[in-house]
């Protein structure tokens, strides 16, 4: 006798104006939006002013042109042209055009064109065109064209075209065209290419300016950075 393993259900709970509706198939319409199951486990949501979607850690949800959304417990999430989004304990996320984004617990994340982004406990993160960004407890982070950013307790960090960024307790940091303040509990190496970087740690303070590393109040031999290469004299 062969045991048959039951597949987890792909029900979604929609919370609209305080009322809960469970949707497994078909279409749900309200006065200002539509939610429909396009295939088993796939939900499409569009044009809601405010909606809360709760899953059971399966399925995928795509949002289009919503004002305010909240999502929790969904395996895959795609958001396009939504003003505010709050995501809790979900899987991989793809964001295209969002005004304000808050994520607490997620898999890999890719964000394009979001003004204010706050990420906590995510996997690998890619951010393109953000006005203000804060990231904490994530995997590797790649930031492109950001005005201000604050990154803490991340894996490898790559920053390109960022006006001002603060990096705390991350591993290796690669900077291309930007200004970065880097603070680490343990002194590590950086890759710096033609940028101004202020470097501080629990060890004697060190600075990198215009490709040259200067040790202040240190008994270690003077070291220099030239064209992204660390040279010990």
C-alpha atoms as a PDB file:
ATOM      1  CA  UNK A   1       0.000   0.000   0.000  1.00  0.00           C
ATOM      2  CA  UNK A   2       1.455   3.339  -1.056  1.00  0.00           C
ATOM      3  CA  UNK A   3       0.789   6.341   1.138  1.00  0.00           C
ATOM      4  CA  UNK A   4      -0.472   9.372  -0.716  1.00  0.00           C
ATOM      5  CA  UNK A   5       0.993  12.634   0.478  1.00  0.00           C
ATOM      6  CA  UNK A   6      -1.572  15.392   0.687  1.00  0.00           C
ATOM      7  CA  UNK A   7      -0.706  18.613  -1.094  1.00  0.00           C
ATOM      8  CA  UNK A   8      -1.039  21.774   1.018  1.00  0.00           C
ATOM      9  CA  UNK A   9      -4.096  23.840   0.211  1.00  0.00           C
ATOM     10  CA  UNK A  10      -3.601  27.156  -1.580  1.00  0.00           C
ATOM     11  CA  UNK A  11      -6.344  29.139   0.070  1.00  0.00           C
ATOM     12  CA  UNK A  12      -5.942  32.905   0.368  1.00  0.00           C
ATOM     13  CA  UNK A  13      -7.692  35.019   2.967  1.00  0.00           C
ATOM     14  CA  UNK A  14      -8.668  38.505   1.793  1.00  0.00           C
ATOM     15  CA  UNK A  15      -9.271  41.123   4.462  1.00  0.00           C
ATOM     16  CA  UNK A  16     -11.103  44.163   3.078  1.00  0.00           C
ATOM     17  CA  UNK A  17     -12.613  46.835   5.328  1.00  0.00           C
ATOM     18  CA  UNK A  18     -12.364  44.472   8.297  1.00  0.00           C
ATOM     19  CA  UNK A  19     -14.233  41.621   6.563  1.00  0.00           C
ATOM     20  CA  UNK A  20     -12.503  38.298   5.801  1.00  0.00           C
ATOM     21  CA  UNK A  21     -13.125  36.268   2.642  1.00  0.00           C
ATOM     22  CA  UNK A  22     -11.426  32.968   1.776  1.00  0.00           C
ATOM     23  CA  UNK A  23     -10.799  32.478  -1.936  1.00  0.00           C
ATOM     24  CA  UNK A  24      -9.625  29.223  -3.524  1.00  0.00           C
ATOM     25  CA  UNK A  25     -10.942  29.650  -7.041  1.00  0.00           C
ATOM     26  CA  UNK A  26     -12.971  32.042  -9.130  1.00  0.00           C
ATOM     27  CA  UNK A  27     -13.210  35.833  -8.955  1.00  0.00           C
ATOM     28  CA  UNK A  28     -13.879  38.179  -6.062  1.00  0.00           C
ATOM     29  CA  UNK A  29     -15.099  41.682  -6.924  1.00  0.00           C
ATOM     30  CA  UNK A  30     -15.586  44.697  -4.722  1.00  0.00           C
ATOM     31  CA  UNK A  31     -16.499  48.287  -5.419  1.00  0.00           C
ATOM     32  CA  UNK A  32     -12.890  49.289  -6.039  1.00  0.00           C
ATOM     33  CA  UNK A  33     -10.926  46.171  -6.977  1.00  0.00           C
ATOM     34  CA  UNK A  34     -10.780  42.647  -8.351  1.00  0.00           C
ATOM     35  CA  UNK A  35      -9.080  39.535  -6.979  1.00  0.00           C
ATOM     36  CA  UNK A  36      -9.090  36.369  -9.046  1.00  0.00           C
ATOM     37  CA  UNK A  37      -7.458  32.953  -9.102  1.00  0.00           C
ATOM     38  CA  UNK A  38      -5.761  32.661 -12.500  1.00  0.00           C
ATOM     39  CA  UNK A  39      -4.542  29.098 -11.850  1.00  0.00           C
ATOM     40  CA  UNK A  40      -4.372  26.838  -8.778  1.00  0.00           C
ATOM     41  CA  UNK A  41      -2.362  28.659  -6.131  1.00  0.00           C
ATOM     42  CA  UNK A  42      -1.962  31.888  -8.138  1.00  0.00           C
ATOM     43  CA  UNK A  43      -3.874  34.998  -7.098  1.00  0.00           C
ATOM     44  CA  UNK A  44      -4.055  38.243  -9.074  1.00  0.00           C
ATOM     45  CA  UNK A  45      -5.095  41.429  -7.262  1.00  0.00           C
ATOM     46  CA  UNK A  46      -5.675  44.789  -8.947  1.00  0.00           C
ATOM     47  CA  UNK A  47      -6.854  48.332  -8.171  1.00  0.00           C
ATOM     48  CA  UNK A  48      -7.694  47.970  -4.469  1.00  0.00           C
ATOM     49  CA  UNK A  49      -7.395  50.994  -2.222  1.00  0.00           C
ATOM     50  CA  UNK A  50      -6.639  48.806   0.794  1.00  0.00           C
ATOM     51  CA  UNK A  51      -6.313  45.019   0.984  1.00  0.00           C
ATOM     52  CA  UNK A  52      -4.695  42.461   3.270  1.00  0.00           C
ATOM     53  CA  UNK A  53      -3.819  39.046   1.801  1.00  0.00           C
ATOM     54  CA  UNK A  54      -2.896  36.150   4.064  1.00  0.00           C
ATOM     55  CA  UNK A  55      -1.610  32.833   2.730  1.00  0.00           C
ATOM     56  CA  UNK A  56      -0.404  29.578   4.296  1.00  0.00           C
ATOM     57  CA  UNK A  57       3.192  29.773   3.052  1.00  0.00           C
ATOM     58  CA  UNK A  58       2.239  28.474  -0.398  1.00  0.00           C
ATOM     59  CA  UNK A  59       1.070  29.989  -3.667  1.00  0.00           C
ATOM     60  CA  UNK A  60       1.898  33.284  -5.333  1.00  0.00           C
ATOM     61  CA  UNK A  61       0.211  36.696  -5.443  1.00  0.00           C
ATOM     62  CA  UNK A  62       0.624  39.546  -7.939  1.00  0.00           C
ATOM     63  CA  UNK A  63      -0.575  43.084  -7.179  1.00  0.00           C
ATOM     64  CA  UNK A  64      -1.196  45.768  -9.778  1.00  0.00           C
ATOM     65  CA  UNK A  65      -2.075  49.432  -9.176  1.00  0.00           C
ATOM     66  CA  UNK A  66      -3.175  49.123  -5.549  1.00  0.00           C
ATOM     67  CA  UNK A  67      -2.943  51.954  -3.027  1.00  0.00           C
ATOM     68  CA  UNK A  68      -2.168  50.101   0.201  1.00  0.00           C
ATOM     69  CA  UNK A  69      -1.463  46.381   0.540  1.00  0.00           C
ATOM     70  CA  UNK A  70      -0.415  44.035   3.333  1.00  0.00           C
ATOM     71  CA  UNK A  71       0.763  40.477   2.666  1.00  0.00           C
ATOM     72  CA  UNK A  72       1.830  37.629   4.934  1.00  0.00           C
ATOM     73  CA  UNK A  73       2.654  33.968   4.471  1.00  0.00           C
ATOM     74  CA  UNK A  74       2.897  33.872   0.660  1.00  0.00           C
ATOM     75  CA  UNK A  75       5.618  31.964  -1.221  1.00  0.00           C
ATOM     76  CA  UNK A  76       6.064  34.433  -4.121  1.00  0.00           C
ATOM     77  CA  UNK A  77       4.968  38.070  -4.400  1.00  0.00           C
ATOM     78  CA  UNK A  78       4.993  40.466  -7.347  1.00  0.00           C
ATOM     79  CA  UNK A  79       4.026  44.122  -6.957  1.00  0.00           C
ATOM     80  CA  UNK A  80       3.633  46.697  -9.737  1.00  0.00           C
ATOM     81  CA  UNK A  81       2.665  50.351  -9.310  1.00  0.00           C
ATOM     82  CA  UNK A  82       1.457  50.240  -5.717  1.00  0.00           C
ATOM     83  CA  UNK A  83       1.908  53.143  -3.288  1.00  0.00           C
ATOM     84  CA  UNK A  84       2.318  51.369   0.058  1.00  0.00           C
ATOM     85  CA  UNK A  85       3.238  47.743   0.705  1.00  0.00           C
ATOM     86  CA  UNK A  86       3.878  45.871   3.956  1.00  0.00           C
ATOM     87  CA  UNK A  87       5.076  42.257   3.734  1.00  0.00           C
ATOM     88  CA  UNK A  88       5.513  39.803   6.611  1.00  0.00           C
ATOM     89  CA  UNK A  89       7.118  36.341   6.645  1.00  0.00           C
ATOM     90  CA  UNK A  90       6.904  35.526   2.941  1.00  0.00           C
ATOM     91  CA  UNK A  91       9.081  34.116   0.161  1.00  0.00           C
ATOM     92  CA  UNK A  92      10.697  35.748  -2.869  1.00  0.00           C
ATOM     93  CA  UNK A  93       9.547  39.273  -3.735  1.00  0.00           C
ATOM     94  CA  UNK A  94       9.665  41.364  -6.919  1.00  0.00           C
ATOM     95  CA  UNK A  95       8.777  45.071  -6.689  1.00  0.00           C
ATOM     96  CA  UNK A  96       8.380  47.426  -9.646  1.00  0.00           C
ATOM     97  CA  UNK A  97       7.464  51.002  -8.736  1.00  0.00           C
ATOM     98  CA  UNK A  98       6.413  51.548  -5.122  1.00  0.00           C
ATOM     99  CA  UNK A  99       6.343  54.651  -2.933  1.00  0.00           C
ATOM    100  CA  UNK A 100       6.812  53.022   0.478  1.00  0.00           C
ATOM    101  CA  UNK A 101       7.864  49.415   1.150  1.00  0.00           C
ATOM    102  CA  UNK A 102       8.310  47.591   4.466  1.00  0.00           C
ATOM    103  CA  UNK A 103       9.422  43.947   4.588  1.00  0.00           C
ATOM    104  CA  UNK A 104       9.948  41.855   7.709  1.00  0.00           C
ATOM    105  CA  UNK A 105      11.051  38.312   6.924  1.00  0.00           C
ATOM    106  CA  UNK A 106      11.350  37.250   3.274  1.00  0.00           C
ATOM    107  CA  UNK A 107      13.445  35.341   0.773  1.00  0.00           C
ATOM    108  CA  UNK A 108      15.312  36.997  -2.090  1.00  0.00           C
ATOM    109  CA  UNK A 109      14.132  40.496  -2.904  1.00  0.00           C
ATOM    110  CA  UNK A 110      14.408  42.697  -5.993  1.00  0.00           C
ATOM    111  CA  UNK A 111      13.163  46.291  -5.914  1.00  0.00           C
ATOM    112  CA  UNK A 112      13.052  48.799  -8.777  1.00  0.00           C
ATOM    113  CA  UNK A 113      11.975  52.421  -8.270  1.00  0.00           C
ATOM    114  CA  UNK A 114      10.857  52.722  -4.661  1.00  0.00           C
ATOM    115  CA  UNK A 115      11.188  55.964  -2.693  1.00  0.00           C
ATOM    116  CA  UNK A 116      11.274  54.617   0.869  1.00  0.00           C
ATOM    117  CA  UNK A 117      12.343  51.034   1.546  1.00  0.00           C
ATOM    118  CA  UNK A 118      12.824  49.288   4.907  1.00  0.00           C
ATOM    119  CA  UNK A 119      13.980  45.645   4.882  1.00  0.00           C
ATOM    120  CA  UNK A 120      14.587  43.304   7.831  1.00  0.00           C
ATOM    121  CA  UNK A 121      15.546  39.611   7.819  1.00  0.00           C
ATOM    122  CA  UNK A 122      15.573  38.975   4.060  1.00  0.00           C
ATOM    123  CA  UNK A 123      17.676  36.849   1.726  1.00  0.00           C
ATOM    124  CA  UNK A 124      19.752  38.419  -1.052  1.00  0.00           C
ATOM    125  CA  UNK A 125      18.637  41.947  -1.950  1.00  0.00           C
ATOM    126  CA  UNK A 126      18.900  44.033  -5.141  1.00  0.00           C
ATOM    127  CA  UNK A 127      17.788  47.678  -5.037  1.00  0.00           C
ATOM    128  CA  UNK A 128      17.668  49.982  -8.061  1.00  0.00           C
ATOM    129  CA  UNK A 129      16.662  53.658  -7.787  1.00  0.00           C
ATOM    130  CA  UNK A 130      15.676  54.315  -4.195  1.00  0.00           C
ATOM    131  CA  UNK A 131      15.467  57.617  -2.319  1.00  0.00           C
ATOM    132  CA  UNK A 132      15.867  56.276   1.220  1.00  0.00           C
ATOM    133  CA  UNK A 133      16.870  52.707   2.094  1.00  0.00           C
ATOM    134  CA  UNK A 134      17.400  50.826   5.370  1.00  0.00           C
ATOM    135  CA  UNK A 135      18.471  47.170   5.421  1.00  0.00           C
ATOM    136  CA  UNK A 136      19.127  44.942   8.431  1.00  0.00           C
ATOM    137  CA  UNK A 137      19.961  41.240   8.777  1.00  0.00           C
ATOM    138  CA  UNK A 138      20.036  40.206   5.109  1.00  0.00           C
ATOM    139  CA  UNK A 139      22.251  38.254   2.740  1.00  0.00           C
ATOM    140  CA  UNK A 140      24.212  40.007   0.011  1.00  0.00           C
ATOM    141  CA  UNK A 141      23.029  43.505  -0.950  1.00  0.00           C
ATOM    142  CA  UNK A 142      23.398  45.329  -4.284  1.00  0.00           C
ATOM    143  CA  UNK A 143      22.351  48.993  -4.359  1.00  0.00           C
ATOM    144  CA  UNK A 144      22.274  51.112  -7.524  1.00  0.00           C
ATOM    145  CA  UNK A 145      21.294  54.790  -7.745  1.00  0.00           C
ATOM    146  CA  UNK A 146      20.229  55.476  -4.170  1.00  0.00           C
ATOM    147  CA  UNK A 147      20.186  58.849  -2.437  1.00  0.00           C
ATOM    148  CA  UNK A 148      20.683  57.671   1.148  1.00  0.00           C
ATOM    149  CA  UNK A 149      21.146  54.135   2.479  1.00  0.00           C
ATOM    150  CA  UNK A 150      21.773  52.498   5.835  1.00  0.00           C
ATOM    151  CA  UNK A 151      22.935  48.871   5.728  1.00  0.00           C
ATOM    152  CA  UNK A 152      23.645  46.786   8.820  1.00  0.00           C
ATOM    153  CA  UNK A 153      24.491  43.142   9.515  1.00  0.00           C
ATOM    154  CA  UNK A 154      24.486  42.087   5.860  1.00  0.00           C
ATOM    155  CA  UNK A 155      26.594  39.793   3.736  1.00  0.00           C
ATOM    156  CA  UNK A 156      28.612  41.181   0.821  1.00  0.00           C
ATOM    157  CA  UNK A 157      27.649  44.736  -0.118  1.00  0.00           C
ATOM    158  CA  UNK A 158      27.950  46.412  -3.542  1.00  0.00           C
ATOM    159  CA  UNK A 159      27.064  50.085  -3.927  1.00  0.00           C
ATOM    160  CA  UNK A 160      26.970  52.033  -7.190  1.00  0.00           C
ATOM    161  CA  UNK A 161      26.008  55.707  -7.514  1.00  0.00           C
ATOM    162  CA  UNK A 162      24.898  56.373  -3.946  1.00  0.00           C
ATOM    163  CA  UNK A 163      25.140  59.913  -2.536  1.00  0.00           C
ATOM    164  CA  UNK A 164      25.414  58.847   1.090  1.00  0.00           C
ATOM    165  CA  UNK A 165      25.514  55.348   2.596  1.00  0.00           C
ATOM    166  CA  UNK A 166      26.232  54.031   6.088  1.00  0.00           C
ATOM    167  CA  UNK A 167      27.389  50.409   6.333  1.00  0.00           C
ATOM    168  CA  UNK A 168      27.606  48.661   9.719  1.00  0.00           C
ATOM    169  CA  UNK A 169      28.940  45.197  10.534  1.00  0.00           C
ATOM    170  CA  UNK A 170      28.763  43.792   7.003  1.00  0.00           C
ATOM    171  CA  UNK A 171      31.341  41.638   5.257  1.00  0.00           C
ATOM    172  CA  UNK A 172      33.273  42.770   2.152  1.00  0.00           C
ATOM    173  CA  UNK A 173      32.131  46.097   0.692  1.00  0.00           C
ATOM    174  CA  UNK A 174      32.500  47.098  -2.976  1.00  0.00           C
ATOM    175  CA  UNK A 175      31.844  50.723  -3.889  1.00  0.00           C
ATOM    176  CA  UNK A 176      31.605  52.289  -7.342  1.00  0.00           C
ATOM    177  CA  UNK A 177      30.978  56.038  -7.455  1.00  0.00           C
ATOM    178  CA  UNK A 178      29.530  56.995  -4.083  1.00  0.00           C
ATOM    179  CA  UNK A 179      30.218  58.206  -0.565  1.00  0.00           C
ATOM    180  CA  UNK A 180      30.205  55.536   2.136  1.00  0.00           C
ATOM    181  CA  UNK A 181      30.727  55.506   5.897  1.00  0.00           C
ATOM    182  CA  UNK A 182      31.852  52.010   6.875  1.00  0.00           C
ATOM    183  CA  UNK A 183      31.846  50.740  10.474  1.00  0.00           C
ATOM    184  CA  UNK A 184      32.784  47.169  11.360  1.00  0.00           C
ATOM    185  CA  UNK A 185      33.379  45.231  14.580  1.00  0.00           C
ATOM    186  CA  UNK A 186      36.304  43.502  12.877  1.00  0.00           C
ATOM    187  CA  UNK A 187      38.658  45.268  10.535  1.00  0.00           C
ATOM    188  CA  UNK A 188      38.278  43.893   7.005  1.00  0.00           C
ATOM    189  CA  UNK A 189      39.255  44.700   3.474  1.00  0.00           C
ATOM    190  CA  UNK A 190      37.356  46.910   1.078  1.00  0.00           C
ATOM    191  CA  UNK A 191      37.332  47.340  -2.681  1.00  0.00           C
ATOM    192  CA  UNK A 192      37.296  51.039  -3.462  1.00  0.00           C
ATOM    193  CA  UNK A 193      37.399  52.504  -6.956  1.00  0.00           C
ATOM    194  CA  UNK A 194      37.657  56.271  -7.217  1.00  0.00           C
ATOM    195  CA  UNK A 195      35.346  57.092  -4.290  1.00  0.00           C
ATOM    196  CA  UNK A 196      35.635  58.785  -0.931  1.00  0.00           C
ATOM    197  CA  UNK A 197      35.186  56.353   1.964  1.00  0.00           C
ATOM    198  CA  UNK A 198      35.310  57.108   5.683  1.00  0.00           C
ATOM    199  CA  UNK A 199      36.385  53.971   7.560  1.00  0.00           C
ATOM    200  CA  UNK A 200      36.004  53.466  11.319  1.00  0.00           C
ATOM    201  CA  UNK A 201      36.115  50.426  13.587  1.00  0.00           C
ATOM    202  CA  UNK A 202      36.919  49.302  17.135  1.00  0.00           C
ATOM    203  CA  UNK A 203      40.518  49.156  16.011  1.00  0.00           C
ATOM    204  CA  UNK A 204      42.399  52.453  15.491  1.00  0.00           C
ATOM    205  CA  UNK A 205      40.486  54.717  13.157  1.00  0.00           C
ATOM    206  CA  UNK A 206      41.474  54.570   9.518  1.00  0.00           C
ATOM    207  CA  UNK A 207      40.352  56.604   6.542  1.00  0.00           C
ATOM    208  CA  UNK A 208      40.403  56.166   2.801  1.00  0.00           C
ATOM    209  CA  UNK A 209      40.346  59.378   0.802  1.00  0.00           C
ATOM    210  CA  UNK A 210      40.849  59.694  -2.949  1.00  0.00           C
ATOM    211  CA  UNK A 211      42.413  56.238  -3.176  1.00  0.00           C
ATOM    212  CA  UNK A 212      44.847  56.703  -0.274  1.00  0.00           C
ATOM    213  CA  UNK A 213      44.489  54.996   3.083  1.00  0.00           C
ATOM    214  CA  UNK A 214      45.771  56.877   6.140  1.00  0.00           C
ATOM    215  CA  UNK A 215      46.220  55.311   9.600  1.00  0.00           C
ATOM    216  CA  UNK A 216      45.641  57.634  12.568  1.00  0.00           C
ATOM    217  CA  UNK A 217      47.142  56.806  15.979  1.00  0.00           C
ATOM    218  CA  UNK A 218      48.086  53.281  14.930  1.00  0.00           C
ATOM    219  CA  UNK A 219      51.185  51.196  15.627  1.00  0.00           C
ATOM    220  CA  UNK A 220      50.594  49.191  12.464  1.00  0.00           C
ATOM    221  CA  UNK A 221      52.655  50.027   9.375  1.00  0.00           C
ATOM    222  CA  UNK A 222      51.110  52.553   7.055  1.00  0.00           C
ATOM    223  CA  UNK A 223      48.915  51.021   4.367  1.00  0.00           C
ATOM    224  CA  UNK A 224      47.571  52.423   1.150  1.00  0.00           C
ATOM    225  CA  UNK A 225      44.781  51.712  -1.319  1.00  0.00           C
ATOM    226  CA  UNK A 226      45.560  52.344  -4.947  1.00  0.00           C
ATOM    227  CA  UNK A 227      42.988  51.561  -7.690  1.00  0.00           C
ATOM    228  CA  UNK A 228      41.112  49.154  -5.427  1.00  0.00           C
ATOM    229  CA  UNK A 229      44.242  47.163  -4.429  1.00  0.00           C
ATOM    230  CA  UNK A 230      45.478  47.005  -0.847  1.00  0.00           C
ATOM    231  CA  UNK A 231      49.230  47.488  -0.587  1.00  0.00           C
ATOM    232  CA  UNK A 232      51.184  46.885   2.623  1.00  0.00           C
ATOM    233  CA  UNK A 233      54.532  48.593   2.852  1.00  0.00           C
END
